[in-house]
Amino acid sequence: MSAVRKPITPKPARKREKVLVILQEQCKQCGLCIEFCPKNVLCLTDIYNRKGYHPVTACDIEACVNCEFCERICPDMAIFLADREEAREAYEEGALQEGTVIPEFELEKEKEKEKEKEEK
């Protein structure tokens, strides 16, 4: 056994394979997902859903590490992680049910709009 230690090199960052999906119409504003999120990704919106609650949304989606705590803790199954490619297809086809939000895709859309404005 050698007394020489090798440096620890971090693995290169890879693209997340899953995306956060929020079914805002199912959310009952219990706040468990917000409380248990280790990266403070989630917060409540100002809008009301059909049940009269302020549903959860992602305030800082880029900080999400896909730990699945929100998915496991949600009693109403209103938040979960989905396969990136399947979610992308459904999002682009408009096949998502009303009130479904994929914050990462929404952020990409906003960034594209900003680029278009800058180019004009």
PDB file of N, CA and C in Angstrom:
ATOM      1  N   MET A   1       0.839  -1.171   0.000  1.00  0.00           N
ATOM      2  CA  MET A   1       0.000   0.000   0.000  1.00  0.00           C
ATOM      3  C   MET A   1       0.889   1.240   0.000  1.00  0.00           C
ATOM      4  N   SER A   2       0.554   2.168  -0.841  1.00  0.00           N
ATOM      5  CA  SER A   2       1.347   3.380  -1.006  1.00  0.00           C
ATOM      6  C   SER A   2       0.846   4.488  -0.080  1.00  0.00           C
ATOM      7  N   ALA A   3       1.780   5.275   0.402  1.00  0.00           N
ATOM      8  CA  ALA A   3       1.427   6.395   1.266  1.00  0.00           C
ATOM      9  C   ALA A   3       1.089   7.642   0.455  1.00  0.00           C
ATOM     10  N   VAL A   4       1.276   7.554  -0.856  1.00  0.00           N
ATOM     11  CA  VAL A   4       0.991   8.687  -1.733  1.00  0.00           C
ATOM     12  C   VAL A   4      -0.495   8.687  -2.076  1.00  0.00           C
ATOM     13  N   ARG A   5      -1.111   9.826  -1.906  1.00  0.00           N
ATOM     14  CA  ARG A   5      -2.537   9.935  -2.207  1.00  0.00           C
ATOM     15  C   ARG A   5      -2.734  10.603  -3.555  1.00  0.00           C
ATOM     16  N   LYS A   6      -3.694  10.118  -4.278  1.00  0.00           N
ATOM     17  CA  LYS A   6      -4.029  10.705  -5.575  1.00  0.00           C
ATOM     18  C   LYS A   6      -5.066  11.809  -5.368  1.00  0.00           C
ATOM     19  N   PRO A   7      -4.976  12.859  -6.148  1.00  0.00           N
ATOM     20  CA  PRO A   7      -5.988  13.917  -6.020  1.00  0.00           C
ATOM     21  C   PRO A   7      -7.351  13.429  -6.511  1.00  0.00           C
ATOM     22  N   ILE A   8      -8.370  13.949  -5.907  1.00  0.00           N
ATOM     23  CA  ILE A   8      -9.729  13.610  -6.324  1.00  0.00           C
ATOM     24  C   ILE A   8     -10.128  14.584  -7.418  1.00  0.00           C
ATOM     25  N   THR A   9     -10.458  14.046  -8.558  1.00  0.00           N
ATOM     26  CA  THR A   9     -10.891  14.901  -9.663  1.00  0.00           C
ATOM     27  C   THR A   9     -12.393  14.734  -9.844  1.00  0.00           C
ATOM     28  N   PRO A  10     -13.118  15.818  -9.856  1.00  0.00           N
ATOM     29  CA  PRO A  10     -14.570  15.718 -10.015  1.00  0.00           C
ATOM     30  C   PRO A  10     -14.940  15.233 -11.411  1.00  0.00           C
ATOM     31  N   LYS A  11     -16.048  14.517 -11.470  1.00  0.00           N
ATOM     32  CA  LYS A  11     -16.548  14.065 -12.767  1.00  0.00           C
ATOM     33  C   LYS A  11     -17.074  15.268 -13.535  1.00  0.00           C
ATOM     34  N   PRO A  12     -16.940  15.247 -14.852  1.00  0.00           N
ATOM     35  CA  PRO A  12     -17.461  16.376 -15.630  1.00  0.00           C
ATOM     36  C   PRO A  12     -18.979  16.457 -15.506  1.00  0.00           C
ATOM     37  N   ALA A  13     -19.480  17.666 -15.502  1.00  0.00           N
ATOM     38  CA  ALA A  13     -20.927  17.868 -15.403  1.00  0.00           C
ATOM     39  C   ALA A  13     -21.600  17.289 -16.637  1.00  0.00           C
ATOM     40  N   ARG A  14     -22.689  16.588 -16.411  1.00  0.00           N
ATOM     41  CA  ARG A  14     -23.418  16.026 -17.547  1.00  0.00           C
ATOM     42  C   ARG A  14     -24.824  16.595 -17.559  1.00  0.00           C
ATOM     43  N   LYS A  15     -25.399  16.553 -18.713  1.00  0.00           N
ATOM     44  CA  LYS A  15     -26.756  17.080 -18.869  1.00  0.00           C
ATOM     45  C   LYS A  15     -27.712  16.173 -18.097  1.00  0.00           C
ATOM     46  N   ARG A  16     -28.590  16.784 -17.359  1.00  0.00           N
ATOM     47  CA  ARG A  16     -29.557  15.995 -16.592  1.00  0.00           C
ATOM     48  C   ARG A  16     -30.469  15.235 -17.541  1.00  0.00           C
ATOM     49  N   GLU A  17     -30.731  13.986 -17.199  1.00  0.00           N
ATOM     50  CA  GLU A  17     -31.567  13.148 -18.051  1.00  0.00           C
ATOM     51  C   GLU A  17     -33.050  13.318 -17.754  1.00  0.00           C
ATOM     52  N   LYS A  18     -33.357  13.929 -16.623  1.00  0.00           N
ATOM     53  CA  LYS A  18     -34.754  14.109 -16.243  1.00  0.00           C
ATOM     54  C   LYS A  18     -35.053  15.587 -16.039  1.00  0.00           C
ATOM     55  N   VAL A  19     -36.317  15.930 -16.199  1.00  0.00           N
ATOM     56  CA  VAL A  19     -36.762  17.306 -15.985  1.00  0.00           C
ATOM     57  C   VAL A  19     -37.895  17.316 -14.961  1.00  0.00           C
ATOM     58  N   LEU A  20     -38.000  18.410 -14.258  1.00  0.00           N
ATOM     59  CA  LEU A  20     -39.038  18.590 -13.255  1.00  0.00           C
ATOM     60  C   LEU A  20     -40.351  18.953 -13.946  1.00  0.00           C
ATOM     61  N   VAL A  21     -41.414  18.245 -13.591  1.00  0.00           N
ATOM     62  CA  VAL A  21     -42.745  18.513 -14.143  1.00  0.00           C
ATOM     63  C   VAL A  21     -43.671  18.826 -12.967  1.00  0.00           C
ATOM     64  N   ILE A  22     -44.418  19.909 -13.093  1.00  0.00           N
ATOM     65  CA  ILE A  22     -45.331  20.316 -12.028  1.00  0.00           C
ATOM     66  C   ILE A  22     -46.756  20.348 -12.576  1.00  0.00           C
ATOM     67  N   LEU A  23     -47.637  19.583 -11.951  1.00  0.00           N
ATOM     68  CA  LEU A  23     -49.059  19.585 -12.312  1.00  0.00           C
ATOM     69  C   LEU A  23     -49.745  20.579 -11.376  1.00  0.00           C
ATOM     70  N   GLN A  24     -49.788  21.824 -11.794  1.00  0.00           N
ATOM     71  CA  GLN A  24     -50.261  22.891 -10.916  1.00  0.00           C
ATOM     72  C   GLN A  24     -51.724  22.746 -10.519  1.00  0.00           C
ATOM     73  N   GLU A  25     -52.533  22.100 -11.337  1.00  0.00           N
ATOM     74  CA  GLU A  25     -53.946  21.926 -10.994  1.00  0.00           C
ATOM     75  C   GLU A  25     -54.138  20.899  -9.880  1.00  0.00           C
ATOM     76  N   GLN A  26     -53.158  20.038  -9.642  1.00  0.00           N
ATOM     77  CA  GLN A  26     -53.255  19.037  -8.581  1.00  0.00           C
ATOM     78  C   GLN A  26     -52.670  19.531  -7.261  1.00  0.00           C
ATOM     79  N   CYS A  27     -51.897  20.591  -7.301  1.00  0.00           N
ATOM     80  CA  CYS A  27     -51.191  21.094  -6.117  1.00  0.00           C
ATOM     81  C   CYS A  27     -52.169  21.672  -5.096  1.00  0.00           C
ATOM     82  N   LYS A  28     -51.984  21.303  -3.824  1.00  0.00           N
ATOM     83  CA  LYS A  28     -52.841  21.809  -2.744  1.00  0.00           C
ATOM     84  C   LYS A  28     -52.093  22.724  -1.785  1.00  0.00           C
ATOM     85  N   GLN A  29     -50.958  23.239  -2.210  1.00  0.00           N
ATOM     86  CA  GLN A  29     -50.215  24.249  -1.454  1.00  0.00           C
ATOM     87  C   GLN A  29     -49.805  23.766  -0.063  1.00  0.00           C
ATOM     88  N   CYS A  30     -49.471  22.488   0.080  1.00  0.00           N
ATOM     89  CA  CYS A  30     -49.063  21.996   1.397  1.00  0.00           C
ATOM     90  C   CYS A  30     -47.669  22.490   1.770  1.00  0.00           C
ATOM     91  N   GLY A  31     -46.826  22.746   0.761  1.00  0.00           N
ATOM     92  CA  GLY A  31     -45.492  23.286   1.010  1.00  0.00           C
ATOM     93  C   GLY A  31     -44.434  22.270   1.376  1.00  0.00           C
ATOM     94  N   LEU A  32     -44.775  20.983   1.375  1.00  0.00           N
ATOM     95  CA  LEU A  32     -43.790  19.964   1.736  1.00  0.00           C
ATOM     96  C   LEU A  32     -42.615  19.936   0.766  1.00  0.00           C
ATOM     97  N   CYS A  33     -42.900  20.063  -0.516  1.00  0.00           N
ATOM     98  CA  CYS A  33     -41.826  20.037  -1.514  1.00  0.00           C
ATOM     99  C   CYS A  33     -40.880  21.223  -1.323  1.00  0.00           C
ATOM    100  N   ILE A  34     -41.438  22.370  -0.986  1.00  0.00           N
ATOM    101  CA  ILE A  34     -40.630  23.574  -0.760  1.00  0.00           C
ATOM    102  C   ILE A  34     -39.746  23.381   0.470  1.00  0.00           C
ATOM    103  N   GLU A  35     -40.339  22.832   1.519  1.00  0.00           N
ATOM    104  CA  GLU A  35     -39.617  22.642   2.775  1.00  0.00           C
ATOM    105  C   GLU A  35     -38.478  21.633   2.652  1.00  0.00           C
ATOM    106  N   PHE A  36     -38.687  20.567   1.877  1.00  0.00           N
ATOM    107  CA  PHE A  36     -37.691  19.501   1.802  1.00  0.00           C
ATOM    108  C   PHE A  36     -36.707  19.635   0.647  1.00  0.00           C
ATOM    109  N   CYS A  37     -36.873  20.610  -0.218  1.00  0.00           N
ATOM    110  CA  CYS A  37     -35.945  20.792  -1.341  1.00  0.00           C
ATOM    111  C   CYS A  37     -34.589  21.257  -0.801  1.00  0.00           C
ATOM    112  N   PRO A  38     -33.516  20.483  -1.030  1.00  0.00           N
ATOM    113  CA  PRO A  38     -32.208  20.856  -0.483  1.00  0.00           C
ATOM    114  C   PRO A  38     -31.566  22.060  -1.171  1.00  0.00           C
ATOM    115  N   LYS A  39     -32.046  22.429  -2.347  1.00  0.00           N
ATOM    116  CA  LYS A  39     -31.450  23.535  -3.102  1.00  0.00           C
ATOM    117  C   LYS A  39     -32.364  24.753  -3.213  1.00  0.00           C
ATOM    118  N   ASN A  40     -33.489  24.742  -2.499  1.00  0.00           N
ATOM    119  CA  ASN A  40     -34.449  25.864  -2.526  1.00  0.00           C
ATOM    120  C   ASN A  40     -34.868  26.230  -3.947  1.00  0.00           C
ATOM    121  N   VAL A  41     -35.210  25.223  -4.711  1.00  0.00           N
ATOM    122  CA  VAL A  41     -35.612  25.411  -6.104  1.00  0.00           C
ATOM    123  C   VAL A  41     -37.064  25.878  -6.201  1.00  0.00           C
ATOM    124  N   LEU A  42     -37.900  25.432  -5.291  1.00  0.00           N
ATOM    125  CA  LEU A  42     -39.344  25.639  -5.404  1.00  0.00           C
ATOM    126  C   LEU A  42     -39.871  26.793  -4.558  1.00  0.00           C
ATOM    127  N   CYS A  43     -40.974  27.380  -5.029  1.00  0.00           N
ATOM    128  CA  CYS A  43     -41.679  28.436  -4.294  1.00  0.00           C
ATOM    129  C   CYS A  43     -43.139  28.434  -4.749  1.00  0.00           C
ATOM    130  N   LEU A  44     -43.980  29.174  -4.050  1.00  0.00           N
ATOM    131  CA  LEU A  44     -45.396  29.268  -4.423  1.00  0.00           C
ATOM    132  C   LEU A  44     -45.598  30.376  -5.443  1.00  0.00           C
ATOM    133  N   THR A  45     -46.580  30.190  -6.322  1.00  0.00           N
ATOM    134  CA  THR A  45     -46.902  31.210  -7.319  1.00  0.00           C
ATOM    135  C   THR A  45     -47.910  32.201  -6.745  1.00  0.00           C
ATOM    136  N   ASP A  46     -48.168  33.251  -7.495  1.00  0.00           N
ATOM    137  CA  ASP A  46     -49.178  34.238  -7.102  1.00  0.00           C
ATOM    138  C   ASP A  46     -50.549  33.894  -7.675  1.00  0.00           C
ATOM    139  N   ILE A  47     -50.593  32.957  -8.609  1.00  0.00           N
ATOM    140  CA  ILE A  47     -51.858  32.598  -9.255  1.00  0.00           C
ATOM    141  C   ILE A  47     -52.618  31.572  -8.414  1.00  0.00           C
ATOM    142  N   TYR A  48     -53.884  31.401  -8.712  1.00  0.00           N
ATOM    143  CA  TYR A  48     -54.708  30.389  -8.060  1.00  0.00           C
ATOM    144  C   TYR A  48     -55.005  29.279  -9.058  1.00  0.00           C
ATOM    145  N   ASN A  49     -55.025  28.036  -8.588  1.00  0.00           N
ATOM    146  CA  ASN A  49     -55.469  26.944  -9.450  1.00  0.00           C
ATOM    147  C   ASN A  49     -56.976  26.756  -9.255  1.00  0.00           C
ATOM    148  N   ARG A  50     -57.556  25.774  -9.912  1.00  0.00           N
ATOM    149  CA  ARG A  50     -59.011  25.567  -9.846  1.00  0.00           C
ATOM    150  C   ARG A  50     -59.501  25.239  -8.442  1.00  0.00           C
ATOM    151  N   LYS A  51     -58.619  24.684  -7.625  1.00  0.00           N
ATOM    152  CA  LYS A  51     -59.000  24.327  -6.258  1.00  0.00           C
ATOM    153  C   LYS A  51     -58.911  25.518  -5.304  1.00  0.00           C
ATOM    154  N   GLY A  52     -58.375  26.636  -5.796  1.00  0.00           N
ATOM    155  CA  GLY A  52     -58.258  27.833  -4.972  1.00  0.00           C
ATOM    156  C   GLY A  52     -56.949  27.947  -4.214  1.00  0.00           C
ATOM    157  N   TYR A  53     -55.972  27.127  -4.594  1.00  0.00           N
ATOM    158  CA  TYR A  53     -54.662  27.161  -3.940  1.00  0.00           C
ATOM    159  C   TYR A  53     -53.637  27.859  -4.823  1.00  0.00           C
ATOM    160  N   HIS A  54     -52.583  28.354  -4.187  1.00  0.00           N
ATOM    161  CA  HIS A  54     -51.433  28.872  -4.925  1.00  0.00           C
ATOM    162  C   HIS A  54     -50.525  27.676  -5.203  1.00  0.00           C
ATOM    163  N   PRO A  55     -50.415  27.227  -6.449  1.00  0.00           N
ATOM    164  CA  PRO A  55     -49.571  26.061  -6.724  1.00  0.00           C
ATOM    165  C   PRO A  55     -48.087  26.398  -6.650  1.00  0.00           C
ATOM    166  N   VAL A  56     -47.302  25.357  -6.562  1.00  0.00           N
ATOM    167  CA  VAL A  56     -45.852  25.501  -6.501  1.00  0.00           C
ATOM    168  C   VAL A  56     -45.286  25.717  -7.906  1.00  0.00           C
ATOM    169  N   THR A  57     -44.156  26.368  -7.978  1.00  0.00           N
ATOM    170  CA  THR A  57     -43.425  26.524  -9.229  1.00  0.00           C
ATOM    171  C   THR A  57     -41.938  26.497  -8.902  1.00  0.00           C
ATOM    172  N   ALA A  58     -41.106  26.492  -9.923  1.00  0.00           N
ATOM    173  CA  ALA A  58     -39.656  26.493  -9.717  1.00  0.00           C
ATOM    174  C   ALA A  58     -39.139  27.919  -9.819  1.00  0.00           C
ATOM    175  N   CYS A  59     -38.555  28.412  -8.750  1.00  0.00           N
ATOM    176  CA  CYS A  59     -37.988  29.768  -8.739  1.00  0.00           C
ATOM    177  C   CYS A  59     -36.561  29.777  -9.258  1.00  0.00           C
ATOM    178  N   ASP A  60     -35.853  28.661  -9.078  1.00  0.00           N
ATOM    179  CA  ASP A  60     -34.454  28.575  -9.496  1.00  0.00           C
ATOM    180  C   ASP A  60     -34.194  27.186 -10.069  1.00  0.00           C
ATOM    181  N   ILE A  61     -34.756  26.903 -11.236  1.00  0.00           N
ATOM    182  CA  ILE A  61     -34.683  25.566 -11.821  1.00  0.00           C
ATOM    183  C   ILE A  61     -33.250  25.142 -12.122  1.00  0.00           C
ATOM    184  N   GLU A  62     -32.374  26.078 -12.390  1.00  0.00           N
ATOM    185  CA  GLU A  62     -30.991  25.725 -12.702  1.00  0.00           C
ATOM    186  C   GLU A  62     -30.258  25.136 -11.500  1.00  0.00           C
ATOM    187  N   ALA A  63     -30.776  25.346 -10.305  1.00  0.00           N
ATOM    188  CA  ALA A  63     -30.156  24.797  -9.098  1.00  0.00           C
ATOM    189  C   ALA A  63     -30.609  23.362  -8.816  1.00  0.00           C
ATOM    190  N   CYS A  64     -31.620  22.888  -9.526  1.00  0.00           N
ATOM    191  CA  CYS A  64     -32.172  21.550  -9.296  1.00  0.00           C
ATOM    192  C   CYS A  64     -31.126  20.471  -9.576  1.00  0.00           C
ATOM    193  N   VAL A  65     -31.008  19.521  -8.645  1.00  0.00           N
ATOM    194  CA  VAL A  65     -30.044  18.424  -8.786  1.00  0.00           C
ATOM    195  C   VAL A  65     -30.739  17.079  -9.014  1.00  0.00           C
ATOM    196  N   ASN A  66     -32.034  17.111  -9.287  1.00  0.00           N
ATOM    197  CA  ASN A  66     -32.820  15.897  -9.549  1.00  0.00           C
ATOM    198  C   ASN A  66     -32.729  14.881  -8.414  1.00  0.00           C
ATOM    199  N   CYS A  67     -32.822  15.343  -7.186  1.00  0.00           N
ATOM    200  CA  CYS A  67     -32.719  14.455  -6.022  1.00  0.00           C
ATOM    201  C   CYS A  67     -33.998  13.649  -5.791  1.00  0.00           C
ATOM    202  N   GLU A  68     -35.100  14.085  -6.360  1.00  0.00           N
ATOM    203  CA  GLU A  68     -36.411  13.433  -6.272  1.00  0.00           C
ATOM    204  C   GLU A  68     -37.093  13.586  -4.912  1.00  0.00           C
ATOM    205  N   PHE A  69     -36.575  14.430  -4.018  1.00  0.00           N
ATOM    206  CA  PHE A  69     -37.233  14.624  -2.726  1.00  0.00           C
ATOM    207  C   PHE A  69     -38.645  15.163  -2.921  1.00  0.00           C
ATOM    208  N   CYS A  70     -38.807  16.126  -3.820  1.00  0.00           N
ATOM    209  CA  CYS A  70     -40.124  16.733  -4.042  1.00  0.00           C
ATOM    210  C   CYS A  70     -41.130  15.689  -4.524  1.00  0.00           C
ATOM    211  N   GLU A  71     -40.674  14.835  -5.425  1.00  0.00           N
ATOM    212  CA  GLU A  71     -41.545  13.790  -5.969  1.00  0.00           C
ATOM    213  C   GLU A  71     -41.974  12.813  -4.879  1.00  0.00           C
ATOM    214  N   ARG A  72     -41.060  12.445  -4.038  1.00  0.00           N
ATOM    215  CA  ARG A  72     -41.352  11.458  -2.993  1.00  0.00           C
ATOM    216  C   ARG A  72     -42.224  12.020  -1.873  1.00  0.00           C
ATOM    217  N   ILE A  73     -42.103  13.308  -1.595  1.00  0.00           N
ATOM    218  CA  ILE A  73     -42.809  13.904  -0.456  1.00  0.00           C
ATOM    219  C   ILE A  73     -44.210  14.418  -0.818  1.00  0.00           C
ATOM    220  N   CYS A  74     -44.482  14.671  -2.092  1.00  0.00           N
ATOM    221  CA  CYS A  74     -45.764  15.256  -2.501  1.00  0.00           C
ATOM    222  C   CYS A  74     -46.921  14.279  -2.289  1.00  0.00           C
ATOM    223  N   PRO A  75     -47.872  14.607  -1.408  1.00  0.00           N
ATOM    224  CA  PRO A  75     -48.994  13.700  -1.157  1.00  0.00           C
ATOM    225  C   PRO A  75     -49.991  13.635  -2.315  1.00  0.00           C
ATOM    226  N   ASP A  76     -49.967  14.615  -3.200  1.00  0.00           N
ATOM    227  CA  ASP A  76     -50.918  14.661  -4.308  1.00  0.00           C
ATOM    228  C   ASP A  76     -50.307  14.272  -5.647  1.00  0.00           C
ATOM    229  N   MET A  77     -49.047  13.861  -5.636  1.00  0.00           N
ATOM    230  CA  MET A  77     -48.324  13.478  -6.860  1.00  0.00           C
ATOM    231  C   MET A  77     -48.406  14.584  -7.912  1.00  0.00           C
ATOM    232  N   ALA A  78     -48.282  15.820  -7.459  1.00  0.00           N
ATOM    233  CA  ALA A  78     -48.381  16.972  -8.352  1.00  0.00           C
ATOM    234  C   ALA A  78     -47.032  17.392  -8.912  1.00  0.00           C
ATOM    235  N   ILE A  79     -45.963  16.773  -8.449  1.00  0.00           N
ATOM    236  CA  ILE A  79     -44.630  17.139  -8.903  1.00  0.00           C
ATOM    237  C   ILE A  79     -43.812  15.859  -9.079  1.00  0.00           C
ATOM    238  N   PHE A  80     -43.128  15.764 -10.208  1.00  0.00           N
ATOM    239  CA  PHE A  80     -42.334  14.562 -10.464  1.00  0.00           C
ATOM    240  C   PHE A  80     -41.257  14.854 -11.490  1.00  0.00           C
ATOM    241  N   LEU A  81     -40.333  13.915 -11.614  1.00  0.00           N
ATOM    242  CA  LEU A  81     -39.275  14.017 -12.614  1.00  0.00           C
ATOM    243  C   LEU A  81     -39.621  13.084 -13.763  1.00  0.00           C
ATOM    244  N   ALA A  82     -39.525  13.592 -14.983  1.00  0.00           N
ATOM    245  CA  ALA A  82     -39.857  12.810 -16.175  1.00  0.00           C
ATOM    246  C   ALA A  82     -38.643  12.728 -17.093  1.00  0.00           C
ATOM    247  N   ASP A  83     -38.648  11.727 -17.949  1.00  0.00           N
ATOM    248  CA  ASP A  83     -37.588  11.572 -18.939  1.00  0.00           C
ATOM    249  C   ASP A  83     -37.544  12.812 -19.830  1.00  0.00           C
ATOM    250  N   ARG A  84     -36.363  13.359 -20.013  1.00  0.00           N
ATOM    251  CA  ARG A  84     -36.181  14.610 -20.761  1.00  0.00           C
ATOM    252  C   ARG A  84     -36.756  14.522 -22.176  1.00  0.00           C
ATOM    253  N   GLU A  85     -36.435  13.470 -22.907  1.00  0.00           N
ATOM    254  CA  GLU A  85     -36.859  13.369 -24.310  1.00  0.00           C
ATOM    255  C   GLU A  85     -38.374  13.221 -24.434  1.00  0.00           C
ATOM    256  N   GLU A  86     -38.970  12.387 -23.585  1.00  0.00           N
ATOM    257  CA  GLU A  86     -40.423  12.207 -23.629  1.00  0.00           C
ATOM    258  C   GLU A  86     -41.146  13.509 -23.266  1.00  0.00           C
ATOM    259  N   ALA A  87     -40.634  14.192 -22.259  1.00  0.00           N
ATOM    260  CA  ALA A  87     -41.240  15.461 -21.845  1.00  0.00           C
ATOM    261  C   ALA A  87     -41.093  16.509 -22.942  1.00  0.00           C
ATOM    262  N   ARG A  88     -39.950  16.531 -23.603  1.00  0.00           N
ATOM    263  CA  ARG A  88     -39.711  17.491 -24.697  1.00  0.00           C
ATOM    264  C   ARG A  88     -40.726  17.264 -25.822  1.00  0.00           C
ATOM    265  N   GLU A  89     -40.936  16.002 -26.205  1.00  0.00           N
ATOM    266  CA  GLU A  89     -41.899  15.682 -27.268  1.00  0.00           C
ATOM    267  C   GLU A  89     -43.298  16.160 -26.887  1.00  0.00           C
ATOM    268  N   ALA A  90     -43.731  15.831 -25.681  1.00  0.00           N
ATOM    269  CA  ALA A  90     -45.070  16.224 -25.229  1.00  0.00           C
ATOM    270  C   ALA A  90     -45.199  17.741 -25.172  1.00  0.00           C
ATOM    271  N   TYR A  91     -44.157  18.414 -24.724  1.00  0.00           N
ATOM    272  CA  TYR A  91     -44.155  19.878 -24.611  1.00  0.00           C
ATOM    273  C   TYR A  91     -44.275  20.528 -25.983  1.00  0.00           C
ATOM    274  N   GLU A  92     -43.488  20.052 -26.937  1.00  0.00           N
ATOM    275  CA  GLU A  92     -43.489  20.643 -28.277  1.00  0.00           C
ATOM    276  C   GLU A  92     -44.761  20.332 -29.052  1.00  0.00           C
ATOM    277  N   GLU A  93     -45.371  19.185 -28.770  1.00  0.00           N
ATOM    278  CA  GLU A  93     -46.612  18.814 -29.455  1.00  0.00           C
ATOM    279  C   GLU A  93     -47.835  19.454 -28.801  1.00  0.00           C
ATOM    280  N   GLY A  94     -47.648  20.060 -27.648  1.00  0.00           N
ATOM    281  CA  GLY A  94     -48.783  20.639 -26.925  1.00  0.00           C
ATOM    282  C   GLY A  94     -49.659  19.575 -26.301  1.00  0.00           C
ATOM    283  N   ALA A  95     -49.068  18.419 -25.992  1.00  0.00           N
ATOM    284  CA  ALA A  95     -49.824  17.290 -25.470  1.00  0.00           C
ATOM    285  C   ALA A  95     -49.898  17.261 -23.945  1.00  0.00           C
ATOM    286  N   LEU A  96     -49.455  18.309 -23.294  1.00  0.00           N
ATOM    287  CA  LEU A  96     -49.501  18.350 -21.831  1.00  0.00           C
ATOM    288  C   LEU A  96     -50.881  18.798 -21.376  1.00  0.00           C
ATOM    289  N   GLN A  97     -51.353  18.239 -20.260  1.00  0.00           N
ATOM    290  CA  GLN A  97     -52.655  18.660 -19.753  1.00  0.00           C
ATOM    291  C   GLN A  97     -52.575  20.088 -19.234  1.00  0.00           C
ATOM    292  N   GLU A  98     -53.693  20.752 -19.203  1.00  0.00           N
ATOM    293  CA  GLU A  98     -53.736  22.148 -18.756  1.00  0.00           C
ATOM    294  C   GLU A  98     -53.190  22.271 -17.337  1.00  0.00           C
ATOM    295  N   GLY A  99     -52.387  23.280 -17.109  1.00  0.00           N
ATOM    296  CA  GLY A  99     -51.812  23.502 -15.791  1.00  0.00           C
ATOM    297  C   GLY A  99     -50.508  22.765 -15.550  1.00  0.00           C
ATOM    298  N   THR A 100     -49.994  22.070 -16.567  1.00  0.00           N
ATOM    299  CA  THR A 100     -48.716  21.366 -16.436  1.00  0.00           C
ATOM    300  C   THR A 100     -47.588  22.307 -16.814  1.00  0.00           C
ATOM    301  N   VAL A 101     -46.594  22.387 -15.953  1.00  0.00           N
ATOM    302  CA  VAL A 101     -45.473  23.288 -16.172  1.00  0.00           C
ATOM    303  C   VAL A 101     -44.171  22.494 -16.140  1.00  0.00           C
ATOM    304  N   ILE A 102     -43.311  22.750 -17.119  1.00  0.00           N
ATOM    305  CA  ILE A 102     -41.962  22.189 -17.121  1.00  0.00           C
ATOM    306  C   ILE A 102     -41.024  23.392 -17.078  1.00  0.00           C
ATOM    307  N   PRO A 103     -40.623  23.806 -15.873  1.00  0.00           N
ATOM    308  CA  PRO A 103     -39.865  25.051 -15.709  1.00  0.00           C
ATOM    309  C   PRO A 103     -38.602  25.151 -16.558  1.00  0.00           C
ATOM    310  N   GLU A 104     -37.903  24.058 -16.732  1.00  0.00           N
ATOM    311  CA  GLU A 104     -36.659  24.104 -17.509  1.00  0.00           C
ATOM    312  C   GLU A 104     -36.933  24.494 -18.959  1.00  0.00           C
ATOM    313  N   PHE A 105     -37.991  23.955 -19.537  1.00  0.00           N
ATOM    314  CA  PHE A 105     -38.338  24.277 -20.922  1.00  0.00           C
ATOM    315  C   PHE A 105     -38.855  25.710 -21.029  1.00  0.00           C
ATOM    316  N   GLU A 106     -39.590  26.156 -20.016  1.00  0.00           N
ATOM    317  CA  GLU A 106     -40.083  27.537 -20.000  1.00  0.00           C
ATOM    318  C   GLU A 106     -38.914  28.520 -19.958  1.00  0.00           C
ATOM    319  N   LEU A 107     -37.884  28.189 -19.177  1.00  0.00           N
ATOM    320  CA  LEU A 107     -36.701  29.038 -19.082  1.00  0.00           C
ATOM    321  C   LEU A 107     -35.980  29.110 -20.426  1.00  0.00           C
ATOM    322  N   GLU A 108     -35.861  27.960 -21.100  1.00  0.00           N
ATOM    323  CA  GLU A 108     -35.232  27.931 -22.428  1.00  0.00           C
ATOM    324  C   GLU A 108     -35.996  28.821 -23.401  1.00  0.00           C
ATOM    325  N   LYS A 109     -37.317  28.752 -23.338  1.00  0.00           N
ATOM    326  CA  LYS A 109     -38.175  29.550 -24.218  1.00  0.00           C
ATOM    327  C   LYS A 109     -37.960  31.047 -23.980  1.00  0.00           C
ATOM    328  N   GLU A 110     -37.876  31.434 -22.707  1.00  0.00           N
ATOM    329  CA  GLU A 110     -37.641  32.838 -22.363  1.00  0.00           C
ATOM    330  C   GLU A 110     -36.290  33.316 -22.880  1.00  0.00           C
ATOM    331  N   LYS A 111     -35.266  32.474 -22.742  1.00  0.00           N
ATOM    332  CA  LYS A 111     -33.928  32.841 -23.212  1.00  0.00           C
ATOM    333  C   LYS A 111     -33.904  33.017 -24.730  1.00  0.00           C
ATOM    334  N   GLU A 112     -34.637  32.159 -25.455  1.00  0.00           N
ATOM    335  CA  GLU A 112     -34.721  32.277 -26.914  1.00  0.00           C
ATOM    336  C   GLU A 112     -35.390  33.593 -27.308  1.00  0.00           C
ATOM    337  N   LYS A 113     -36.450  33.961 -26.608  1.00  0.00           N
ATOM    338  CA  LYS A 113     -37.144  35.221 -26.894  1.00  0.00           C
ATOM    339  C   LYS A 113     -36.227  36.414 -26.655  1.00  0.00           C
ATOM    340  N   GLU A 114     -35.434  36.361 -25.590  1.00  0.00           N
ATOM    341  CA  GLU A 114     -34.492  37.444 -25.296  1.00  0.00           C
ATOM    342  C   GLU A 114     -33.440  37.565 -26.393  1.00  0.00           C
ATOM    343  N   LYS A 115     -32.957  36.427 -26.893  1.00  0.00           N
ATOM    344  CA  LYS A 115     -31.973  36.438 -27.983  1.00  0.00           C
ATOM    345  C   LYS A 115     -32.558  37.082 -29.229  1.00  0.00           C
ATOM    346  N   GLU A 116     -33.806  36.722 -29.550  1.00  0.00           N
ATOM    347  CA  GLU A 116     -34.466  37.278 -30.729  1.00  0.00           C
ATOM    348  C   GLU A 116     -34.620  38.791 -30.602  1.00  0.00           C
ATOM    349  N   LYS A 117     -34.953  39.272 -29.413  1.00  0.00           N
ATOM    350  CA  LYS A 117     -35.083  40.715 -29.191  1.00  0.00           C
ATOM    351  C   LYS A 117     -33.747  41.420 -29.368  1.00  0.00           C
ATOM    352  N   GLU A 118     -32.677  40.805 -28.897  1.00  0.00           N
ATOM    353  CA  GLU A 118     -31.340  41.394 -29.014  1.00  0.00           C
ATOM    354  C   GLU A 118     -30.883  41.460 -30.471  1.00  0.00           C
ATOM    355  N   GLU A 119     -31.271  40.458 -31.261  1.00  0.00           N
ATOM    356  CA  GLU A 119     -30.867  40.403 -32.665  1.00  0.00           C
ATOM    357  C   GLU A 119     -31.572  41.459 -33.501  1.00  0.00           C
ATOM    358  N   LYS A 120     -32.746  41.904 -33.073  1.00  0.00           N
ATOM    359  CA  LYS A 120     -33.528  42.880 -33.845  1.00  0.00           C
ATOM    360  C   LYS A 120     -33.018  44.250 -33.701  1.00  0.00           C
TER     361      LYS A 120
END
